[in-house]
Amino acid sequence: MSVKLRLARVGKTKQPHYRVVAADTKKARNGEFLEIVGTYRPLENPSGFAVDNAKVLQWLNKGALPTERVRKLLETTGLWGEFMATKSPKKK
């Protein structure tokens, strides 16, 4: 089972809110997920992005891959850089 950290849409029409979830890649966007790790509110000024750092790092260390948007959001908080610093370089 491959796991991704991705956004699951919640909220009303034209008022999107997203949950940052760890989900199996074969499940639907808003379908079953393994765990909620944060929220993202793009309409707030500045946009509201809150995640549980420990849970995100735990999933990343287990091998979960973030989607492009989630990776960019993690970069804004510095969490992606923290994860990449702890990762050991691969030998060729």
PDB file of N, CA and C in Angstrom:
ATOM      1  N   MET A   1       0.856  -1.172   0.000  1.00  0.00           N
ATOM      2  CA  MET A   1       0.000   0.000   0.000  1.00  0.00           C
ATOM      3  C   MET A   1       0.903   1.236   0.000  1.00  0.00           C
ATOM      4  N   SER A   2       0.735   2.094  -0.986  1.00  0.00           N
ATOM      5  CA  SER A   2       1.506   3.337  -1.005  1.00  0.00           C
ATOM      6  C   SER A   2       0.643   4.460  -0.438  1.00  0.00           C
ATOM      7  N   VAL A   3       1.257   5.264   0.391  1.00  0.00           N
ATOM      8  CA  VAL A   3       0.542   6.319   1.113  1.00  0.00           C
ATOM      9  C   VAL A   3       1.033   7.675   0.645  1.00  0.00           C
ATOM     10  N   LYS A   4       0.094   8.612   0.515  1.00  0.00           N
ATOM     11  CA  LYS A   4       0.436   9.990   0.170  1.00  0.00           C
ATOM     12  C   LYS A   4      -0.164  10.930   1.195  1.00  0.00           C
ATOM     13  N   LEU A   5       0.535  12.027   1.431  1.00  0.00           N
ATOM     14  CA  LEU A   5      -0.029  13.129   2.201  1.00  0.00           C
ATOM     15  C   LEU A   5      -0.674  14.040   1.177  1.00  0.00           C
ATOM     16  N   ARG A   6      -1.980  14.222   1.265  1.00  0.00           N
ATOM     17  CA  ARG A   6      -2.687  15.008   0.264  1.00  0.00           C
ATOM     18  C   ARG A   6      -3.828  15.790   0.885  1.00  0.00           C
ATOM     19  N   LEU A   7      -4.446  16.645   0.058  1.00  0.00           N
ATOM     20  CA  LEU A   7      -5.544  17.481   0.516  1.00  0.00           C
ATOM     21  C   LEU A   7      -6.874  16.798   0.216  1.00  0.00           C
ATOM     22  N   ALA A   8      -7.778  16.789   1.197  1.00  0.00           N
ATOM     23  CA  ALA A   8      -9.140  16.296   1.013  1.00  0.00           C
ATOM     24  C   ALA A   8     -10.065  17.491   1.218  1.00  0.00           C
ATOM     25  N   ARG A   9     -10.885  17.790   0.221  1.00  0.00           N
ATOM     26  CA  ARG A   9     -11.714  18.992   0.272  1.00  0.00           C
ATOM     27  C   ARG A   9     -12.919  18.798   1.183  1.00  0.00           C
ATOM     28  N   VAL A  10     -13.160  19.805   2.015  1.00  0.00           N
ATOM     29  CA  VAL A  10     -14.366  19.907   2.835  1.00  0.00           C
ATOM     30  C   VAL A  10     -14.846  21.344   2.708  1.00  0.00           C
ATOM     31  N   GLY A  11     -16.010  21.660   3.219  1.00  0.00           N
ATOM     32  CA  GLY A  11     -16.502  23.029   3.133  1.00  0.00           C
ATOM     33  C   GLY A  11     -17.606  23.160   2.107  1.00  0.00           C
ATOM     34  N   LYS A  12     -18.165  24.380   2.022  1.00  0.00           N
ATOM     35  CA  LYS A  12     -19.290  24.636   1.134  1.00  0.00           C
ATOM     36  C   LYS A  12     -18.816  25.006  -0.266  1.00  0.00           C
ATOM     37  N   THR A  13     -19.788  25.147  -1.168  1.00  0.00           N
ATOM     38  CA  THR A  13     -19.502  25.579  -2.529  1.00  0.00           C
ATOM     39  C   THR A  13     -18.865  26.959  -2.507  1.00  0.00           C
ATOM     40  N   LYS A  14     -17.790  27.114  -3.241  1.00  0.00           N
ATOM     41  CA  LYS A  14     -17.027  28.362  -3.354  1.00  0.00           C
ATOM     42  C   LYS A  14     -16.402  28.822  -2.037  1.00  0.00           C
ATOM     43  N   GLN A  15     -16.392  27.968  -1.029  1.00  0.00           N
ATOM     44  CA  GLN A  15     -15.725  28.259   0.243  1.00  0.00           C
ATOM     45  C   GLN A  15     -14.905  27.033   0.656  1.00  0.00           C
ATOM     46  N   PRO A  16     -13.827  26.767  -0.065  1.00  0.00           N
ATOM     47  CA  PRO A  16     -13.090  25.533   0.197  1.00  0.00           C
ATOM     48  C   PRO A  16     -12.278  25.584   1.485  1.00  0.00           C
ATOM     49  N   HIS A  17     -12.285  24.480   2.181  1.00  0.00           N
ATOM     50  CA  HIS A  17     -11.384  24.192   3.288  1.00  0.00           C
ATOM     51  C   HIS A  17     -10.854  22.803   2.984  1.00  0.00           C
ATOM     52  N   TYR A  18      -9.641  22.549   3.386  1.00  0.00           N
ATOM     53  CA  TYR A  18      -9.034  21.254   3.096  1.00  0.00           C
ATOM     54  C   TYR A  18      -8.485  20.641   4.369  1.00  0.00           C
ATOM     55  N   ARG A  19      -8.540  19.319   4.427  1.00  0.00           N
ATOM     56  CA  ARG A  19      -7.845  18.566   5.460  1.00  0.00           C
ATOM     57  C   ARG A  19      -6.579  18.012   4.820  1.00  0.00           C
ATOM     58  N   VAL A  20      -5.494  18.047   5.546  1.00  0.00           N
ATOM     59  CA  VAL A  20      -4.275  17.381   5.091  1.00  0.00           C
ATOM     60  C   VAL A  20      -4.346  15.983   5.692  1.00  0.00           C
ATOM     61  N   VAL A  21      -4.413  14.978   4.825  1.00  0.00           N
ATOM     62  CA  VAL A  21      -4.619  13.612   5.296  1.00  0.00           C
ATOM     63  C   VAL A  21      -3.545  12.679   4.749  1.00  0.00           C
ATOM     64  N   ALA A  22      -3.315  11.607   5.472  1.00  0.00           N
ATOM     65  CA  ALA A  22      -2.500  10.497   4.979  1.00  0.00           C
ATOM     66  C   ALA A  22      -3.486   9.478   4.430  1.00  0.00           C
ATOM     67  N   ALA A  23      -3.383   9.195   3.118  1.00  0.00           N
ATOM     68  CA  ALA A  23      -4.361   8.312   2.484  1.00  0.00           C
ATOM     69  C   ALA A  23      -3.684   7.373   1.500  1.00  0.00           C
ATOM     70  N   ASP A  24      -4.304   6.222   1.319  1.00  0.00           N
ATOM     71  CA  ASP A  24      -3.857   5.270   0.307  1.00  0.00           C
ATOM     72  C   ASP A  24      -4.092   5.897  -1.063  1.00  0.00           C
ATOM     73  N   THR A  25      -3.145   5.729  -1.969  1.00  0.00           N
ATOM     74  CA  THR A  25      -3.249   6.365  -3.287  1.00  0.00           C
ATOM     75  C   THR A  25      -4.393   5.801  -4.118  1.00  0.00           C
ATOM     76  N   LYS A  26      -4.883   4.625  -3.785  1.00  0.00           N
ATOM     77  CA  LYS A  26      -5.960   4.019  -4.567  1.00  0.00           C
ATOM     78  C   LYS A  26      -7.344   4.479  -4.123  1.00  0.00           C
ATOM     79  N   LYS A  27      -7.431   5.225  -3.052  1.00  0.00           N
ATOM     80  CA  LYS A  27      -8.716   5.718  -2.558  1.00  0.00           C
ATOM     81  C   LYS A  27      -9.059   7.047  -3.217  1.00  0.00           C
ATOM     82  N   ALA A  28     -10.338   7.398  -3.216  1.00  0.00           N
ATOM     83  CA  ALA A  28     -10.808   8.647  -3.818  1.00  0.00           C
ATOM     84  C   ALA A  28     -10.286   9.852  -3.045  1.00  0.00           C
ATOM     85  N   ARG A  29     -10.290  11.028  -3.706  1.00  0.00           N
ATOM     86  CA  ARG A  29      -9.758  12.253  -3.096  1.00  0.00           C
ATOM     87  C   ARG A  29     -10.403  12.526  -1.743  1.00  0.00           C
ATOM     88  N   ASN A  30     -11.718  12.458  -1.677  1.00  0.00           N
ATOM     89  CA  ASN A  30     -12.421  12.718  -0.422  1.00  0.00           C
ATOM     90  C   ASN A  30     -12.862  11.425   0.249  1.00  0.00           C
ATOM     91  N   GLY A  31     -12.294  10.317  -0.162  1.00  0.00           N
ATOM     92  CA  GLY A  31     -12.684   9.023   0.372  1.00  0.00           C
ATOM     93  C   GLY A  31     -11.988   8.687   1.679  1.00  0.00           C
ATOM     94  N   GLU A  32     -11.850   7.397   1.892  1.00  0.00           N
ATOM     95  CA  GLU A  32     -11.269   6.886   3.127  1.00  0.00           C
ATOM     96  C   GLU A  32      -9.813   7.328   3.266  1.00  0.00           C
ATOM     97  N   PHE A  33      -9.423   7.688   4.478  1.00  0.00           N
ATOM     98  CA  PHE A  33      -8.045   8.084   4.747  1.00  0.00           C
ATOM     99  C   PHE A  33      -7.574   7.414   6.022  1.00  0.00           C
ATOM    100  N   LEU A  34      -6.280   7.437   6.243  1.00  0.00           N
ATOM    101  CA  LEU A  34      -5.704   6.775   7.408  1.00  0.00           C
ATOM    102  C   LEU A  34      -5.670   7.686   8.631  1.00  0.00           C
ATOM    103  N   GLU A  35      -5.328   8.968   8.414  1.00  0.00           N
ATOM    104  CA  GLU A  35      -5.214   9.891   9.543  1.00  0.00           C
ATOM    105  C   GLU A  35      -5.253  11.333   9.045  1.00  0.00           C
ATOM    106  N   ILE A  36      -5.882  12.199   9.831  1.00  0.00           N
ATOM    107  CA  ILE A  36      -5.866  13.635   9.551  1.00  0.00           C
ATOM    108  C   ILE A  36      -4.629  14.211  10.233  1.00  0.00           C
ATOM    109  N   VAL A  37      -3.791  14.920   9.473  1.00  0.00           N
ATOM    110  CA  VAL A  37      -2.574  15.488  10.054  1.00  0.00           C
ATOM    111  C   VAL A  37      -2.587  17.012  10.075  1.00  0.00           C
ATOM    112  N   GLY A  38      -3.598  17.642   9.467  1.00  0.00           N
ATOM    113  CA  GLY A  38      -3.643  19.100   9.489  1.00  0.00           C
ATOM    114  C   GLY A  38      -4.803  19.663   8.694  1.00  0.00           C
ATOM    115  N   THR A  39      -4.817  21.007   8.582  1.00  0.00           N
ATOM    116  CA  THR A  39      -5.854  21.705   7.828  1.00  0.00           C
ATOM    117  C   THR A  39      -5.226  22.804   6.985  1.00  0.00           C
ATOM    118  N   TYR A  40      -5.954  23.202   5.934  1.00  0.00           N
ATOM    119  CA  TYR A  40      -5.517  24.280   5.044  1.00  0.00           C
ATOM    120  C   TYR A  40      -6.741  25.087   4.646  1.00  0.00           C
ATOM    121  N   ARG A  41      -6.701  26.409   4.907  1.00  0.00           N
ATOM    122  CA  ARG A  41      -7.792  27.307   4.568  1.00  0.00           C
ATOM    123  C   ARG A  41      -7.265  28.367   3.609  1.00  0.00           C
ATOM    124  N   PRO A  42      -7.414  28.159   2.291  1.00  0.00           N
ATOM    125  CA  PRO A  42      -6.798  29.053   1.309  1.00  0.00           C
ATOM    126  C   PRO A  42      -7.435  30.429   1.213  1.00  0.00           C
ATOM    127  N   LEU A  43      -8.676  30.602   1.644  1.00  0.00           N
ATOM    128  CA  LEU A  43      -9.341  31.893   1.487  1.00  0.00           C
ATOM    129  C   LEU A  43      -9.005  32.884   2.593  1.00  0.00           C
ATOM    130  N   GLU A  44      -8.406  32.421   3.667  1.00  0.00           N
ATOM    131  CA  GLU A  44      -7.985  33.344   4.721  1.00  0.00           C
ATOM    132  C   GLU A  44      -6.822  34.186   4.218  1.00  0.00           C
ATOM    133  N   ASN A  45      -6.661  35.363   4.793  1.00  0.00           N
ATOM    134  CA  ASN A  45      -5.561  36.233   4.366  1.00  0.00           C
ATOM    135  C   ASN A  45      -4.693  36.537   5.568  1.00  0.00           C
ATOM    136  N   PRO A  46      -3.494  36.014   5.718  1.00  0.00           N
ATOM    137  CA  PRO A  46      -2.838  35.027   4.854  1.00  0.00           C
ATOM    138  C   PRO A  46      -3.471  33.652   5.035  1.00  0.00           C
ATOM    139  N   SER A  47      -3.263  32.787   4.070  1.00  0.00           N
ATOM    140  CA  SER A  47      -3.916  31.478   4.089  1.00  0.00           C
ATOM    141  C   SER A  47      -3.510  30.704   5.338  1.00  0.00           C
ATOM    142  N   GLY A  48      -4.486  30.026   5.925  1.00  0.00           N
ATOM    143  CA  GLY A  48      -4.254  29.280   7.157  1.00  0.00           C
ATOM    144  C   GLY A  48      -3.801  27.867   6.871  1.00  0.00           C
ATOM    145  N   PHE A  49      -2.619  27.523   7.337  1.00  0.00           N
ATOM    146  CA  PHE A  49      -2.094  26.174   7.169  1.00  0.00           C
ATOM    147  C   PHE A  49      -1.576  25.718   8.515  1.00  0.00           C
ATOM    148  N   ALA A  50      -2.176  24.666   9.052  1.00  0.00           N
ATOM    149  CA  ALA A  50      -1.770  24.148  10.352  1.00  0.00           C
ATOM    150  C   ALA A  50      -1.647  22.633  10.265  1.00  0.00           C
ATOM    151  N   VAL A  51      -0.511  22.115  10.696  1.00  0.00           N
ATOM    152  CA  VAL A  51      -0.302  20.666  10.710  1.00  0.00           C
ATOM    153  C   VAL A  51       0.315  20.253  12.037  1.00  0.00           C
ATOM    154  N   ASP A  52       0.123  18.996  12.371  1.00  0.00           N
ATOM    155  CA  ASP A  52       0.777  18.406  13.534  1.00  0.00           C
ATOM    156  C   ASP A  52       2.155  17.932  13.058  1.00  0.00           C
ATOM    157  N   ASN A  53       3.188  18.665  13.431  1.00  0.00           N
ATOM    158  CA  ASN A  53       4.547  18.384  12.944  1.00  0.00           C
ATOM    159  C   ASN A  53       4.986  16.950  13.223  1.00  0.00           C
ATOM    160  N   ALA A  54       4.680  16.450  14.403  1.00  0.00           N
ATOM    161  CA  ALA A  54       5.107  15.098  14.763  1.00  0.00           C
ATOM    162  C   ALA A  54       4.452  14.055  13.858  1.00  0.00           C
ATOM    163  N   LYS A  55       3.156  14.216  13.590  1.00  0.00           N
ATOM    164  CA  LYS A  55       2.457  13.255  12.736  1.00  0.00           C
ATOM    165  C   LYS A  55       2.971  13.307  11.304  1.00  0.00           C
ATOM    166  N   VAL A  56       3.225  14.518  10.793  1.00  0.00           N
ATOM    167  CA  VAL A  56       3.724  14.653   9.423  1.00  0.00           C
ATOM    168  C   VAL A  56       5.089  13.990   9.302  1.00  0.00           C
ATOM    169  N   LEU A  57       5.992  14.278  10.232  1.00  0.00           N
ATOM    170  CA  LEU A  57       7.324  13.665  10.184  1.00  0.00           C
ATOM    171  C   LEU A  57       7.245  12.146  10.328  1.00  0.00           C
ATOM    172  N   GLN A  58       6.321  11.677  11.158  1.00  0.00           N
ATOM    173  CA  GLN A  58       6.146  10.235  11.329  1.00  0.00           C
ATOM    174  C   GLN A  58       5.744   9.589   9.999  1.00  0.00           C
ATOM    175  N   TRP A  59       4.785  10.179   9.284  1.00  0.00           N
ATOM    176  CA  TRP A  59       4.351   9.611   8.005  1.00  0.00           C
ATOM    177  C   TRP A  59       5.443   9.719   6.946  1.00  0.00           C
ATOM    178  N   LEU A  60       6.159  10.829   6.924  1.00  0.00           N
ATOM    179  CA  LEU A  60       7.242  10.975   5.948  1.00  0.00           C
ATOM    180  C   LEU A  60       8.345   9.949   6.197  1.00  0.00           C
ATOM    181  N   ASN A  61       8.666   9.707   7.467  1.00  0.00           N
ATOM    182  CA  ASN A  61       9.692   8.714   7.801  1.00  0.00           C
ATOM    183  C   ASN A  61       9.243   7.292   7.470  1.00  0.00           C
ATOM    184  N   LYS A  62       7.933   7.057   7.479  1.00  0.00           N
ATOM    185  CA  LYS A  62       7.407   5.737   7.110  1.00  0.00           C
ATOM    186  C   LYS A  62       7.396   5.538   5.601  1.00  0.00           C
ATOM    187  N   GLY A  63       7.646   6.614   4.836  1.00  0.00           N
ATOM    188  CA  GLY A  63       7.704   6.472   3.386  1.00  0.00           C
ATOM    189  C   GLY A  63       6.572   7.130   2.633  1.00  0.00           C
ATOM    190  N   ALA A  64       5.698   7.848   3.315  1.00  0.00           N
ATOM    191  CA  ALA A  64       4.602   8.540   2.628  1.00  0.00           C
ATOM    192  C   ALA A  64       5.166   9.676   1.781  1.00  0.00           C
ATOM    193  N   LEU A  65       4.612   9.853   0.590  1.00  0.00           N
ATOM    194  CA  LEU A  65       5.042  10.920  -0.304  1.00  0.00           C
ATOM    195  C   LEU A  65       4.007  12.035  -0.297  1.00  0.00           C
ATOM    196  N   PRO A  66       4.424  13.284  -0.159  1.00  0.00           N
ATOM    197  CA  PRO A  66       3.456  14.379  -0.233  1.00  0.00           C
ATOM    198  C   PRO A  66       3.140  14.715  -1.686  1.00  0.00           C
ATOM    199  N   THR A  67       1.927  15.190  -1.929  1.00  0.00           N
ATOM    200  CA  THR A  67       1.605  15.688  -3.262  1.00  0.00           C
ATOM    201  C   THR A  67       2.355  17.001  -3.459  1.00  0.00           C
ATOM    202  N   GLU A  68       2.351  17.502  -4.686  1.00  0.00           N
ATOM    203  CA  GLU A  68       3.103  18.719  -4.985  1.00  0.00           C
ATOM    204  C   GLU A  68       2.628  19.900  -4.134  1.00  0.00           C
ATOM    205  N   ARG A  69       1.318  20.080  -4.018  1.00  0.00           N
ATOM    206  CA  ARG A  69       0.775  21.195  -3.241  1.00  0.00           C
ATOM    207  C   ARG A  69       1.119  21.051  -1.762  1.00  0.00           C
ATOM    208  N   VAL A  70       0.989  19.865  -1.210  1.00  0.00           N
ATOM    209  CA  VAL A  70       1.303  19.660   0.209  1.00  0.00           C
ATOM    210  C   VAL A  70       2.789  19.895   0.450  1.00  0.00           C
ATOM    211  N   ARG A  71       3.642  19.450  -0.485  1.00  0.00           N
ATOM    212  CA  ARG A  71       5.082  19.682  -0.325  1.00  0.00           C
ATOM    213  C   ARG A  71       5.382  21.176  -0.291  1.00  0.00           C
ATOM    214  N   LYS A  72       4.742  21.949  -1.165  1.00  0.00           N
ATOM    215  CA  LYS A  72       4.961  23.398  -1.174  1.00  0.00           C
ATOM    216  C   LYS A  72       4.487  24.037   0.127  1.00  0.00           C
ATOM    217  N   LEU A  73       3.375  23.561   0.655  1.00  0.00           N
ATOM    218  CA  LEU A  73       2.887  24.087   1.930  1.00  0.00           C
ATOM    219  C   LEU A  73       3.830  23.717   3.071  1.00  0.00           C
ATOM    220  N   LEU A  74       4.379  22.507   3.034  1.00  0.00           N
ATOM    221  CA  LEU A  74       5.343  22.100   4.064  1.00  0.00           C
ATOM    222  C   LEU A  74       6.628  22.913   3.964  1.00  0.00           C
ATOM    223  N   GLU A  75       7.005  23.307   2.738  1.00  0.00           N
ATOM    224  CA  GLU A  75       8.192  24.148   2.567  1.00  0.00           C
ATOM    225  C   GLU A  75       7.992  25.516   3.206  1.00  0.00           C
ATOM    226  N   THR A  76       6.776  26.059   3.152  1.00  0.00           N
ATOM    227  CA  THR A  76       6.523  27.380   3.743  1.00  0.00           C
ATOM    228  C   THR A  76       6.661  27.349   5.261  1.00  0.00           C
ATOM    229  N   THR A  77       6.379  26.203   5.874  1.00  0.00           N
ATOM    230  CA  THR A  77       6.516  26.094   7.325  1.00  0.00           C
ATOM    231  C   THR A  77       7.915  25.660   7.741  1.00  0.00           C
ATOM    232  N   GLY A  78       8.729  25.212   6.785  1.00  0.00           N
ATOM    233  CA  GLY A  78      10.076  24.750   7.097  1.00  0.00           C
ATOM    234  C   GLY A  78      10.134  23.283   7.471  1.00  0.00           C
ATOM    235  N   LEU A  79       8.995  22.618   7.482  1.00  0.00           N
ATOM    236  CA  LEU A  79       8.947  21.213   7.886  1.00  0.00           C
ATOM    237  C   LEU A  79       9.574  20.297   6.838  1.00  0.00           C
ATOM    238  N   TRP A  80       9.426  20.637   5.566  1.00  0.00           N
ATOM    239  CA  TRP A  80      10.018  19.824   4.498  1.00  0.00           C
ATOM    240  C   TRP A  80      11.545  19.870   4.578  1.00  0.00           C
ATOM    241  N   GLY A  81      12.099  21.052   4.822  1.00  0.00           N
ATOM    242  CA  GLY A  81      13.546  21.181   4.962  1.00  0.00           C
ATOM    243  C   GLY A  81      14.068  20.407   6.155  1.00  0.00           C
ATOM    244  N   GLU A  82      13.305  20.418   7.241  1.00  0.00           N
ATOM    245  CA  GLU A  82      13.683  19.661   8.435  1.00  0.00           C
ATOM    246  C   GLU A  82      13.715  18.163   8.127  1.00  0.00           C
ATOM    247  N   PHE A  83      12.728  17.686   7.374  1.00  0.00           N
ATOM    248  CA  PHE A  83      12.687  16.267   7.005  1.00  0.00           C
ATOM    249  C   PHE A  83      13.859  15.910   6.097  1.00  0.00           C
ATOM    250  N   MET A  84      14.140  16.749   5.104  1.00  0.00           N
ATOM    251  CA  MET A  84      15.222  16.464   4.163  1.00  0.00           C
ATOM    252  C   MET A  84      16.586  16.486   4.856  1.00  0.00           C
ATOM    253  N   ALA A  85      16.736  17.302   5.900  1.00  0.00           N
ATOM    254  CA  ALA A  85      18.000  17.361   6.638  1.00  0.00           C
ATOM    255  C   ALA A  85      18.241  16.071   7.427  1.00  0.00           C
ATOM    256  N   THR A  86      17.173  15.434   7.894  1.00  0.00           N
ATOM    257  CA  THR A  86      17.329  14.210   8.682  1.00  0.00           C
ATOM    258  C   THR A  86      17.506  12.985   7.799  1.00  0.00           C
ATOM    259  N   LYS A  87      17.128  13.102   6.531  1.00  0.00           N
ATOM    260  CA  LYS A  87      17.255  11.986   5.610  1.00  0.00           C
ATOM    261  C   LYS A  87      18.721  11.754   5.276  1.00  0.00           C
ATOM    262  N   SER A  88      19.157  10.519   5.300  1.00  0.00           N
ATOM    263  CA  SER A  88      20.561  10.233   4.986  1.00  0.00           C
ATOM    264  C   SER A  88      20.758  10.210   3.473  1.00  0.00           C
ATOM    265  N   PRO A  89      21.897  10.696   2.995  1.00  0.00           N
ATOM    266  CA  PRO A  89      22.152  10.668   1.548  1.00  0.00           C
ATOM    267  C   PRO A  89      22.360   9.232   1.066  1.00  0.00           C
ATOM    268  N   LYS A  90      21.857   8.949  -0.130  1.00  0.00           N
ATOM    269  CA  LYS A  90      21.991   7.604  -0.685  1.00  0.00           C
ATOM    270  C   LYS A  90      23.361   7.442  -1.330  1.00  0.00           C
ATOM    271  N   LYS A  91      23.959   6.262  -1.157  1.00  0.00           N
ATOM    272  CA  LYS A  91      25.254   5.969  -1.773  1.00  0.00           C
ATOM    273  C   LYS A  91      25.024   5.350  -3.138  1.00  0.00           C
ATOM    274  N   LYS A  92      25.895   5.688  -4.068  1.00  0.00           N
ATOM    275  CA  LYS A  92      25.770   5.135  -5.423  1.00  0.00           C
ATOM    276  C   LYS A  92      26.575   3.876  -5.562  1.00  0.00           C
TER     277      LYS A  92
END
